[in-house]
PDB file of N, CA and C in Angstrom:
ATOM      1  N   MET A   1     358.035 247.834 173.056  1.00  0.00           N
ATOM      2  CA  MET A   1     356.748 247.959 172.407  1.00  0.00           C
ATOM      3  C   MET A   1     356.930 246.772 171.351  1.00  0.00           C
ATOM      4  N   ILE A   2     355.817 245.714 171.663  1.00  0.00           N
ATOM      5  CA  ILE A   2     355.825 244.865 170.503  1.00  0.00           C
ATOM      6  C   ILE A   2     354.685 245.095 169.477  1.00  0.00           C
ATOM      7  N   LEU A   3     355.108 245.020 168.333  1.00  0.00           N
ATOM      8  CA  LEU A   3     354.068 245.248 167.369  1.00  0.00           C
ATOM      9  C   LEU A   3     353.389 243.950 166.897  1.00  0.00           C
ATOM     10  N   ASP A   4     352.272 243.322 166.823  1.00  0.00           N
ATOM     11  CA  ASP A   4     351.438 242.486 166.344  1.00  0.00           C
ATOM     12  C   ASP A   4     351.279 242.686 165.054  1.00  0.00           C
ATOM     13  N   GLY A   5     351.083 241.753 164.268  1.00  0.00           N
ATOM     14  CA  GLY A   5     350.602 241.742 162.936  1.00  0.00           C
ATOM     15  C   GLY A   5     349.204 242.070 162.824  1.00  0.00           C
ATOM     16  N   ALA A   6     348.556 242.837 161.649  1.00  0.00           N
ATOM     17  CA  ALA A   6     347.643 242.964 161.496  1.00  0.00           C
ATOM     18  C   ALA A   6     346.685 241.949 161.175  1.00  0.00           C
ATOM     19  N   THR A   7     345.394 241.833 161.581  1.00  0.00           N
ATOM     20  CA  THR A   7     344.603 240.590 161.278  1.00  0.00           C
ATOM     21  C   THR A   7     344.450 240.526 159.670  1.00  0.00           C
ATOM     22  N   ALA A   8     344.081 238.989 159.230  1.00  0.00           N
ATOM     23  CA  ALA A   8     344.087 238.819 157.919  1.00  0.00           C
ATOM     24  C   ALA A   8     342.937 238.967 157.521  1.00  0.00           C
ATOM     25  N   ALA A   9     342.850 239.739 156.485  1.00  0.00           N
ATOM     26  CA  ALA A   9     341.618 240.494 155.685  1.00  0.00           C
ATOM     27  C   ALA A   9     341.026 239.445 154.875  1.00  0.00           C
ATOM     28  N   SER A  10     340.031 239.133 154.924  1.00  0.00           N
ATOM     29  CA  SER A  10     339.038 238.377 154.432  1.00  0.00           C
ATOM     30  C   SER A  10     338.761 239.134 152.743  1.00  0.00           C
ATOM     31  N   ASP A  11     338.125 238.634 152.164  1.00  0.00           N
ATOM     32  CA  ASP A  11     337.590 238.969 150.771  1.00  0.00           C
ATOM     33  C   ASP A  11     337.065 240.251 150.723  1.00  0.00           C
ATOM     34  N   GLY A  12     336.138 240.263 151.612  1.00  0.00           N
ATOM     35  CA  GLY A  12     335.181 241.480 151.964  1.00  0.00           C
ATOM     36  C   GLY A  12     336.147 242.757 152.562  1.00  0.00           C
ATOM     37  N   ASP A  13     337.245 242.676 152.828  1.00  0.00           N
ATOM     38  CA  ASP A  13     337.845 243.633 153.527  1.00  0.00           C
ATOM     39  C   ASP A  13     338.948 244.631 152.688  1.00  0.00           C
ATOM     40  N   ALA A  14     338.770 244.118 151.443  1.00  0.00           N
ATOM     41  CA  ALA A  14     339.643 244.897 150.005  1.00  0.00           C
ATOM     42  C   ALA A  14     339.426 246.363 150.424  1.00  0.00           C
ATOM     43  N   GLY A  15     339.900 246.968 150.581  1.00  0.00           N
ATOM     44  CA  GLY A  15     340.053 248.417 150.922  1.00  0.00           C
ATOM     45  C   GLY A  15     339.788 249.026 152.121  1.00  0.00           C
ATOM     46  N   MET A  16     339.758 248.112 152.925  1.00  0.00           N
ATOM     47  CA  MET A  16     339.684 248.428 154.711  1.00  0.00           C
ATOM     48  C   MET A  16     340.820 249.047 155.015  1.00  0.00           C
ATOM     49  N   PRO A  17     340.852 249.811 155.926  1.00  0.00           N
ATOM     50  CA  PRO A  17     342.179 250.963 156.377  1.00  0.00           C
ATOM     51  C   PRO A  17     342.557 249.956 157.643  1.00  0.00           C
ATOM     52  N   THR A  18     343.735 250.236 157.893  1.00  0.00           N
ATOM     53  CA  THR A  18     344.465 249.251 159.154  1.00  0.00           C
ATOM     54  C   THR A  18     344.757 250.503 159.947  1.00  0.00           C
ATOM     55  N   TYR A  19     344.642 250.188 161.401  1.00  0.00           N
ATOM     56  CA  TYR A  19     344.774 251.442 162.388  1.00  0.00           C
ATOM     57  C   TYR A  19     345.887 250.501 163.541  1.00  0.00           C
ATOM     58  N   ASP A  20     346.325 251.376 164.206  1.00  0.00           N
ATOM     59  CA  ASP A  20     347.422 250.674 165.167  1.00  0.00           C
ATOM     60  C   ASP A  20     346.873 251.393 166.518  1.00  0.00           C
ATOM     61  N   TYR A  21     346.702 250.207 167.217  1.00  0.00           N
ATOM     62  CA  TYR A  21     346.322 250.594 168.820  1.00  0.00           C
ATOM     63  C   TYR A  21     347.344 250.381 169.849  1.00  0.00           C
ATOM     64  N   TYR A  22     347.525 250.988 171.113  1.00  0.00           N
ATOM     65  CA  TYR A  22     348.550 250.965 172.016  1.00  0.00           C
ATOM     66  C   TYR A  22     347.827 250.589 173.393  1.00  0.00           C
ATOM     67  N   CYS A  23     348.105 249.657 174.141  1.00  0.00           N
ATOM     68  CA  CYS A  23     347.614 249.371 175.221  1.00  0.00           C
ATOM     69  C   CYS A  23     348.703 249.565 176.367  1.00  0.00           C
ATOM     70  N   PRO A  24     348.495 250.802 177.245  1.00  0.00           N
ATOM     71  CA  PRO A  24     349.576 251.122 178.041  1.00  0.00           C
ATOM     72  C   PRO A  24     349.569 249.921 179.173  1.00  0.00           C
ATOM     73  N   GLU A  25     348.710 249.269 179.660  1.00  0.00           N
ATOM     74  CA  GLU A  25     348.795 248.266 180.374  1.00  0.00           C
ATOM     75  C   GLU A  25     349.600 247.160 180.180  1.00  0.00           C
ATOM     76  N   ASN A  26     350.020 246.729 178.991  1.00  0.00           N
ATOM     77  CA  ASN A  26     350.819 245.846 178.557  1.00  0.00           C
ATOM     78  C   ASN A  26     352.121 246.246 177.653  1.00  0.00           C
ATOM     79  N   GLY A  27     351.910 247.212 177.118  1.00  0.00           N
ATOM     80  CA  GLY A  27     352.858 247.993 176.425  1.00  0.00           C
ATOM     81  C   GLY A  27     352.995 247.306 174.927  1.00  0.00           C
ATOM     82  N   ARG A  28     351.778 246.720 174.555  1.00  0.00           N
ATOM     83  CA  ARG A  28     351.615 246.221 173.138  1.00  0.00           C
ATOM     84  C   ARG A  28     351.221 247.036 172.127  1.00  0.00           C
ATOM     85  N   GLU A  29     351.389 246.886 170.956  1.00  0.00           N
ATOM     86  CA  GLU A  29     350.940 247.846 169.985  1.00  0.00           C
ATOM     87  C   GLU A  29     350.124 246.869 168.728  1.00  0.00           C
ATOM     88  N   VAL A  30     348.968 246.919 168.591  1.00  0.00           N
ATOM     89  CA  VAL A  30     348.246 245.717 167.614  1.00  0.00           C
ATOM     90  C   VAL A  30     347.819 246.666 166.538  1.00  0.00           C
ATOM     91  N   ALA A  31     348.218 246.299 165.149  1.00  0.00           N
ATOM     92  CA  ALA A  31     347.531 246.520 163.810  1.00  0.00           C
ATOM     93  C   ALA A  31     346.207 245.787 163.605  1.00  0.00           C
ATOM     94  N   VAL A  32     344.955 246.383 163.035  1.00  0.00           N
ATOM     95  CA  VAL A  32     343.980 245.765 162.710  1.00  0.00           C
ATOM     96  C   VAL A  32     343.518 246.406 161.811  1.00  0.00           C
ATOM     97  N   PHE A  33     342.506 245.664 160.680  1.00  0.00           N
ATOM     98  CA  PHE A  33     341.477 246.244 159.982  1.00  0.00           C
ATOM     99  C   PHE A  33     340.267 246.591 160.565  1.00  0.00           C
ATOM    100  N   HIS A  34     339.670 247.901 160.135  1.00  0.00           N
ATOM    101  CA  HIS A  34     338.043 248.078 160.560  1.00  0.00           C
ATOM    102  C   HIS A  34     337.624 249.203 159.857  1.00  0.00           C
ATOM    103  N   ALA A  35     336.425 249.211 159.749  1.00  0.00           N
ATOM    104  CA  ALA A  35     335.708 250.523 159.192  1.00  0.00           C
ATOM    105  C   ALA A  35     336.484 251.634 160.080  1.00  0.00           C
ATOM    106  N   MET A  36     335.947 252.884 159.042  1.00  0.00           N
ATOM    107  CA  MET A  36     336.721 254.219 159.929  1.00  0.00           C
ATOM    108  C   MET A  36     335.698 254.433 160.917  1.00  0.00           C
ATOM    109  N   SER A  37     334.247 254.058 161.013  1.00  0.00           N
ATOM    110  CA  SER A  37     333.309 254.554 161.948  1.00  0.00           C
ATOM    111  C   SER A  37     333.713 253.562 162.969  1.00  0.00           C
ATOM    112  N   ALA A  38     334.510 252.591 163.188  1.00  0.00           N
ATOM    113  CA  ALA A  38     334.415 251.840 164.088  1.00  0.00           C
ATOM    114  C   ALA A  38     335.193 252.233 165.515  1.00  0.00           C
ATOM    115  N   GLN A  39     334.595 252.015 166.705  1.00  0.00           N
ATOM    116  CA  GLN A  39     335.276 252.672 167.848  1.00  0.00           C
ATOM    117  C   GLN A  39     335.598 251.503 168.815  1.00  0.00           C
ATOM    118  N   ILE A  40     337.178 251.254 169.037  1.00  0.00           N
ATOM    119  CA  ILE A  40     337.809 250.353 169.719  1.00  0.00           C
ATOM    120  C   ILE A  40     338.228 250.993 171.041  1.00  0.00           C
ATOM    121  N   ALA A  41     337.961 250.673 172.215  1.00  0.00           N
ATOM    122  CA  ALA A  41     338.133 251.161 173.327  1.00  0.00           C
ATOM    123  C   ALA A  41     338.807 250.269 174.359  1.00  0.00           C
ATOM    124  N   THR A  42     338.502 249.180 174.284  1.00  0.00           N
ATOM    125  CA  THR A  42     339.235 248.419 175.264  1.00  0.00           C
ATOM    126  C   THR A  42     339.978 247.084 174.639  1.00  0.00           C
ATOM    127  N   TRP A  43     341.107 246.579 175.375  1.00  0.00           N
ATOM    128  CA  TRP A  43     342.065 245.523 175.261  1.00  0.00           C
ATOM    129  C   TRP A  43     341.085 244.404 174.415  1.00  0.00           C
ATOM    130  N   GLY A  44     339.830 244.142 175.294  1.00  0.00           N
ATOM    131  CA  GLY A  44     339.390 242.791 174.969  1.00  0.00           C
ATOM    132  C   GLY A  44     338.498 242.904 173.643  1.00  0.00           C
ATOM    133  N   GLU A  45     338.144 244.255 173.332  1.00  0.00           N
ATOM    134  CA  GLU A  45     337.474 244.591 172.076  1.00  0.00           C
ATOM    135  C   GLU A  45     338.542 244.419 171.031  1.00  0.00           C
ATOM    136  N   LEU A  46     339.876 245.052 171.182  1.00  0.00           N
ATOM    137  CA  LEU A  46     340.759 244.846 170.196  1.00  0.00           C
ATOM    138  C   LEU A  46     341.483 243.651 169.864  1.00  0.00           C
ATOM    139  N   CYS A  47     341.386 242.778 171.241  1.00  0.00           N
ATOM    140  CA  CYS A  47     341.676 241.356 170.912  1.00  0.00           C
ATOM    141  C   CYS A  47     341.001 240.451 169.761  1.00  0.00           C
ATOM    142  N   ASP A  48     339.472 240.871 170.241  1.00  0.00           N
ATOM    143  CA  ASP A  48     338.647 240.231 169.509  1.00  0.00           C
ATOM    144  C   ASP A  48     338.536 240.378 168.195  1.00  0.00           C
ATOM    145  N   LEU A  49     338.785 241.581 167.528  1.00  0.00           N
ATOM    146  CA  LEU A  49     338.973 242.139 166.416  1.00  0.00           C
ATOM    147  C   LEU A  49     340.166 241.567 165.774  1.00  0.00           C
ATOM    148  N   ALA A  50     341.353 241.376 166.579  1.00  0.00           N
ATOM    149  CA  ALA A  50     342.482 240.924 166.048  1.00  0.00           C
ATOM    150  C   ALA A  50     342.764 239.468 165.887  1.00  0.00           C
ATOM    151  N   SER A  51     341.668 238.899 166.716  1.00  0.00           N
ATOM    152  CA  SER A  51     341.802 237.109 166.983  1.00  0.00           C
ATOM    153  C   SER A  51     342.778 236.850 167.629  1.00  0.00           C
ATOM    154  N   ILE A  52     343.411 237.615 168.836  1.00  0.00           N
ATOM    155  CA  ILE A  52     344.613 237.164 169.497  1.00  0.00           C
ATOM    156  C   ILE A  52     343.828 237.065 170.719  1.00  0.00           C
ATOM    157  N   ASP A  53     344.818 236.211 171.837  1.00  0.00           N
ATOM    158  CA  ASP A  53     344.478 236.348 173.307  1.00  0.00           C
ATOM    159  C   ASP A  53     344.518 237.597 173.946  1.00  0.00           C
ATOM    160  N   VAL A  54     344.112 237.785 174.918  1.00  0.00           N
ATOM    161  CA  VAL A  54     344.105 238.512 175.994  1.00  0.00           C
ATOM    162  C   VAL A  54     345.148 238.617 176.876  1.00  0.00           C
ATOM    163  N   GLY A  55     345.534 237.422 177.138  1.00  0.00           N
ATOM    164  CA  GLY A  55     346.588 237.206 177.762  1.00  0.00           C
ATOM    165  C   GLY A  55     346.188 237.258 179.207  1.00  0.00           C
ATOM    166  N   GLN A  56     347.150 238.178 180.393  1.00  0.00           N
ATOM    167  CA  GLN A  56     347.214 238.329 181.373  1.00  0.00           C
ATOM    168  C   GLN A  56     346.341 239.668 181.257  1.00  0.00           C
ATOM    169  N   THR A  57     346.385 240.522 180.541  1.00  0.00           N
ATOM    170  CA  THR A  57     345.804 241.690 180.483  1.00  0.00           C
ATOM    171  C   THR A  57     344.284 242.015 180.423  1.00  0.00           C
ATOM    172  N   ALA A  58     343.682 242.830 181.619  1.00  0.00           N
ATOM    173  CA  ALA A  58     342.183 242.689 181.721  1.00  0.00           C
ATOM    174  C   ALA A  58     341.736 242.923 180.474  1.00  0.00           C
ATOM    175  N   ARG A  59     340.265 242.755 180.030  1.00  0.00           N
ATOM    176  CA  ARG A  59     339.545 242.675 179.114  1.00  0.00           C
ATOM    177  C   ARG A  59     339.199 244.451 178.942  1.00  0.00           C
ATOM    178  N   GLU A  60     339.034 244.776 179.933  1.00  0.00           N
ATOM    179  CA  GLU A  60     338.451 246.212 180.500  1.00  0.00           C
ATOM    180  C   GLU A  60     339.824 247.412 180.146  1.00  0.00           C
ATOM    181  N   SER A  61     340.790 246.824 180.095  1.00  0.00           N
ATOM    182  CA  SER A  61     341.830 248.015 180.045  1.00  0.00           C
ATOM    183  C   SER A  61     341.789 248.806 178.671  1.00  0.00           C
ATOM    184  N   PRO A  62     341.971 249.970 178.991  1.00  0.00           N
ATOM    185  CA  PRO A  62     341.834 250.793 177.817  1.00  0.00           C
ATOM    186  C   PRO A  62     342.955 250.903 176.633  1.00  0.00           C
ATOM    187  N   VAL A  63     342.621 251.017 175.539  1.00  0.00           N
ATOM    188  CA  VAL A  63     343.520 251.100 174.536  1.00  0.00           C
ATOM    189  C   VAL A  63     343.407 252.471 173.847  1.00  0.00           C
ATOM    190  N   GLN A  64     344.743 252.707 173.319  1.00  0.00           N
ATOM    191  CA  GLN A  64     344.816 254.104 172.536  1.00  0.00           C
ATOM    192  C   GLN A  64     344.687 253.917 171.000  1.00  0.00           C
ATOM    193  N   LYS A  65     344.207 254.767 170.172  1.00  0.00           N
ATOM    194  CA  LYS A  65     344.381 254.680 168.631  1.00  0.00           C
ATOM    195  C   LYS A  65     345.673 255.472 168.608  1.00  0.00           C
ATOM    196  N   GLN A  66     346.347 255.338 167.539  1.00  0.00           N
ATOM    197  CA  GLN A  66     348.065 255.725 167.306  1.00  0.00           C
ATOM    198  C   GLN A  66     347.310 256.317 166.260  1.00  0.00           C
ATOM    199  N   ILE A  67     348.083 257.778 166.236  1.00  0.00           N
ATOM    200  CA  ILE A  67     347.894 258.886 165.055  1.00  0.00           C
ATOM    201  C   ILE A  67     348.762 258.074 164.221  1.00  0.00           C
ATOM    202  N   GLY A  68     348.276 258.111 163.052  1.00  0.00           N
ATOM    203  CA  GLY A  68     348.674 257.647 161.829  1.00  0.00           C
ATOM    204  C   GLY A  68     347.930 257.881 160.354  1.00  0.00           C
ATOM    205  N   MET A  69     348.293 257.356 159.477  1.00  0.00           N
ATOM    206  CA  MET A  69     347.659 257.431 158.133  1.00  0.00           C
ATOM    207  C   MET A  69     346.397 256.766 157.795  1.00  0.00           C
ATOM    208  N   GLY A  70     346.400 255.443 158.870  1.00  0.00           N
ATOM    209  CA  GLY A  70     344.888 254.517 158.385  1.00  0.00           C
ATOM    210  C   GLY A  70     345.105 253.990 156.989  1.00  0.00           C
ATOM    211  N   ILE A  71     346.392 253.306 156.705  1.00  0.00           N
ATOM    212  CA  ILE A  71     346.723 252.759 155.312  1.00  0.00           C
ATOM    213  C   ILE A  71     345.556 251.921 155.048  1.00  0.00           C
ATOM    214  N   VAL A  72     345.261 252.166 153.556  1.00  0.00           N
ATOM    215  CA  VAL A  72     343.948 250.958 153.058  1.00  0.00           C
ATOM    216  C   VAL A  72     345.143 250.316 152.044  1.00  0.00           C
ATOM    217  N   LEU A  73     344.796 248.870 152.220  1.00  0.00           N
ATOM    218  CA  LEU A  73     345.376 247.710 151.687  1.00  0.00           C
ATOM    219  C   LEU A  73     344.416 247.330 150.479  1.00  0.00           C
ATOM    220  N   MET A  74     344.864 247.282 149.479  1.00  0.00           N
ATOM    221  CA  MET A  74     344.206 246.856 148.181  1.00  0.00           C
ATOM    222  C   MET A  74     344.309 245.420 147.837  1.00  0.00           C
ATOM    223  N   ARG A  75     343.739 244.446 147.204  1.00  0.00           N
ATOM    224  CA  ARG A  75     343.976 243.481 146.916  1.00  0.00           C
ATOM    225  C   ARG A  75     343.827 243.308 145.442  1.00  0.00           C
ATOM    226  N   GLY A  76     344.854 242.227 144.844  1.00  0.00           N
ATOM    227  CA  GLY A  76     344.704 242.367 143.465  1.00  0.00           C
ATOM    228  C   GLY A  76     345.959 242.812 142.704  1.00  0.00           C
ATOM    229  N   PRO A  77     345.961 242.522 141.611  1.00  0.00           N
ATOM    230  CA  PRO A  77     347.211 242.621 140.748  1.00  0.00           C
ATOM    231  C   PRO A  77     347.274 244.261 140.642  1.00  0.00           C
ATOM    232  N   VAL A  78     348.677 244.685 140.251  1.00  0.00           N
ATOM    233  CA  VAL A  78     348.891 246.053 140.326  1.00  0.00           C
ATOM    234  C   VAL A  78     349.213 246.248 138.872  1.00  0.00           C
ATOM    235  N   SER A  79     348.664 247.160 138.126  1.00  0.00           N
ATOM    236  CA  SER A  79     348.788 247.398 136.869  1.00  0.00           C
ATOM    237  C   SER A  79     349.626 248.294 136.532  1.00  0.00           C
ATOM    238  N   CYS A  80     350.599 248.126 135.500  1.00  0.00           N
ATOM    239  CA  CYS A  80     351.849 249.064 135.039  1.00  0.00           C
ATOM    240  C   CYS A  80     351.486 249.722 133.755  1.00  0.00           C
ATOM    241  N   THR A  81     351.470 250.997 133.380  1.00  0.00           N
ATOM    242  CA  THR A  81     350.797 251.358 132.324  1.00  0.00           C
ATOM    243  C   THR A  81     351.925 252.109 131.158  1.00  0.00           C
ATOM    244  N   GLY A  82     353.019 251.781 131.724  1.00  0.00           N
ATOM    245  CA  GLY A  82     354.287 252.054 130.890  1.00  0.00           C
ATOM    246  C   GLY A  82     355.618 252.158 131.497  1.00  0.00           C
ATOM    247  N   PRO A  83     356.744 252.632 130.633  1.00  0.00           N
ATOM    248  CA  PRO A  83     358.099 252.293 131.359  1.00  0.00           C
ATOM    249  C   PRO A  83     358.484 253.327 132.464  1.00  0.00           C
ATOM    250  N   SER A  84     357.366 254.301 132.584  1.00  0.00           N
ATOM    251  CA  SER A  84     357.817 255.233 133.606  1.00  0.00           C
ATOM    252  C   SER A  84     357.284 254.656 135.107  1.00  0.00           C
ATOM    253  N   CYS A  85     356.680 253.675 135.032  1.00  0.00           N
ATOM    254  CA  CYS A  85     356.118 253.225 136.332  1.00  0.00           C
ATOM    255  C   CYS A  85     357.113 251.876 136.601  1.00  0.00           C
ATOM    256  N   CYS A  86     357.794 251.401 136.004  1.00  0.00           N
ATOM    257  CA  CYS A  86     358.629 250.335 136.071  1.00  0.00           C
ATOM    258  C   CYS A  86     360.195 250.499 135.813  1.00  0.00           C
ATOM    259  N   SER A  87     360.705 249.807 136.813  1.00  0.00           N
ATOM    260  CA  SER A  87     362.129 250.150 136.780  1.00  0.00           C
ATOM    261  C   SER A  87     362.886 249.089 135.422  1.00  0.00           C
ATOM    262  N   ASN A  88     363.815 250.165 134.770  1.00  0.00           N
ATOM    263  CA  ASN A  88     364.710 249.444 133.857  1.00  0.00           C
ATOM    264  C   ASN A  88     363.651 248.931 132.741  1.00  0.00           C
ATOM    265  N   ASN A  89     362.387 249.556 132.549  1.00  0.00           N
ATOM    266  CA  ASN A  89     361.701 249.203 131.400  1.00  0.00           C
ATOM    267  C   ASN A  89     361.199 247.915 131.241  1.00  0.00           C
ATOM    268  N   SER A  90     361.205 247.331 132.786  1.00  0.00           N
ATOM    269  CA  SER A  90     360.819 245.891 132.539  1.00  0.00           C
ATOM    270  C   SER A  90     359.382 245.231 132.748  1.00  0.00           C
ATOM    271  N   CYS A  91     358.296 246.107 132.028  1.00  0.00           N
ATOM    272  CA  CYS A  91     357.213 246.040 132.483  1.00  0.00           C
ATOM    273  C   CYS A  91     356.658 244.387 131.837  1.00  0.00           C
ATOM    274  N   GLY A  92     356.117 243.717 132.515  1.00  0.00           N
ATOM    275  CA  GLY A  92     355.677 242.428 132.081  1.00  0.00           C
ATOM    276  C   GLY A  92     356.479 241.325 132.135  1.00  0.00           C
ATOM    277  N   ASP A  93     357.767 241.567 132.640  1.00  0.00           N
ATOM    278  CA  ASP A  93     358.748 240.401 132.814  1.00  0.00           C
ATOM    279  C   ASP A  93     358.353 239.392 133.804  1.00  0.00           C
TER     280      ASP A  93
END
């Protein structure tokens, strides 16, 4: 199985969940950002969303959303509020 990287998030994608899809036709797994309401059903739709080439796989080939957590990636600095959140009390170093 090949895992392709997630698509690059634009500034408007902050907080958008990532999802993994598997294509049985080519054995590839692709991680993409999209809204929870989006429905991705084919390899062509997935490739368009991920900005990758479809290659020799038919655009109509079905894809399967993998069971996962739908991780939300947040942008911006992470703030530390005290020694309990930093190793070796190194906040601000």
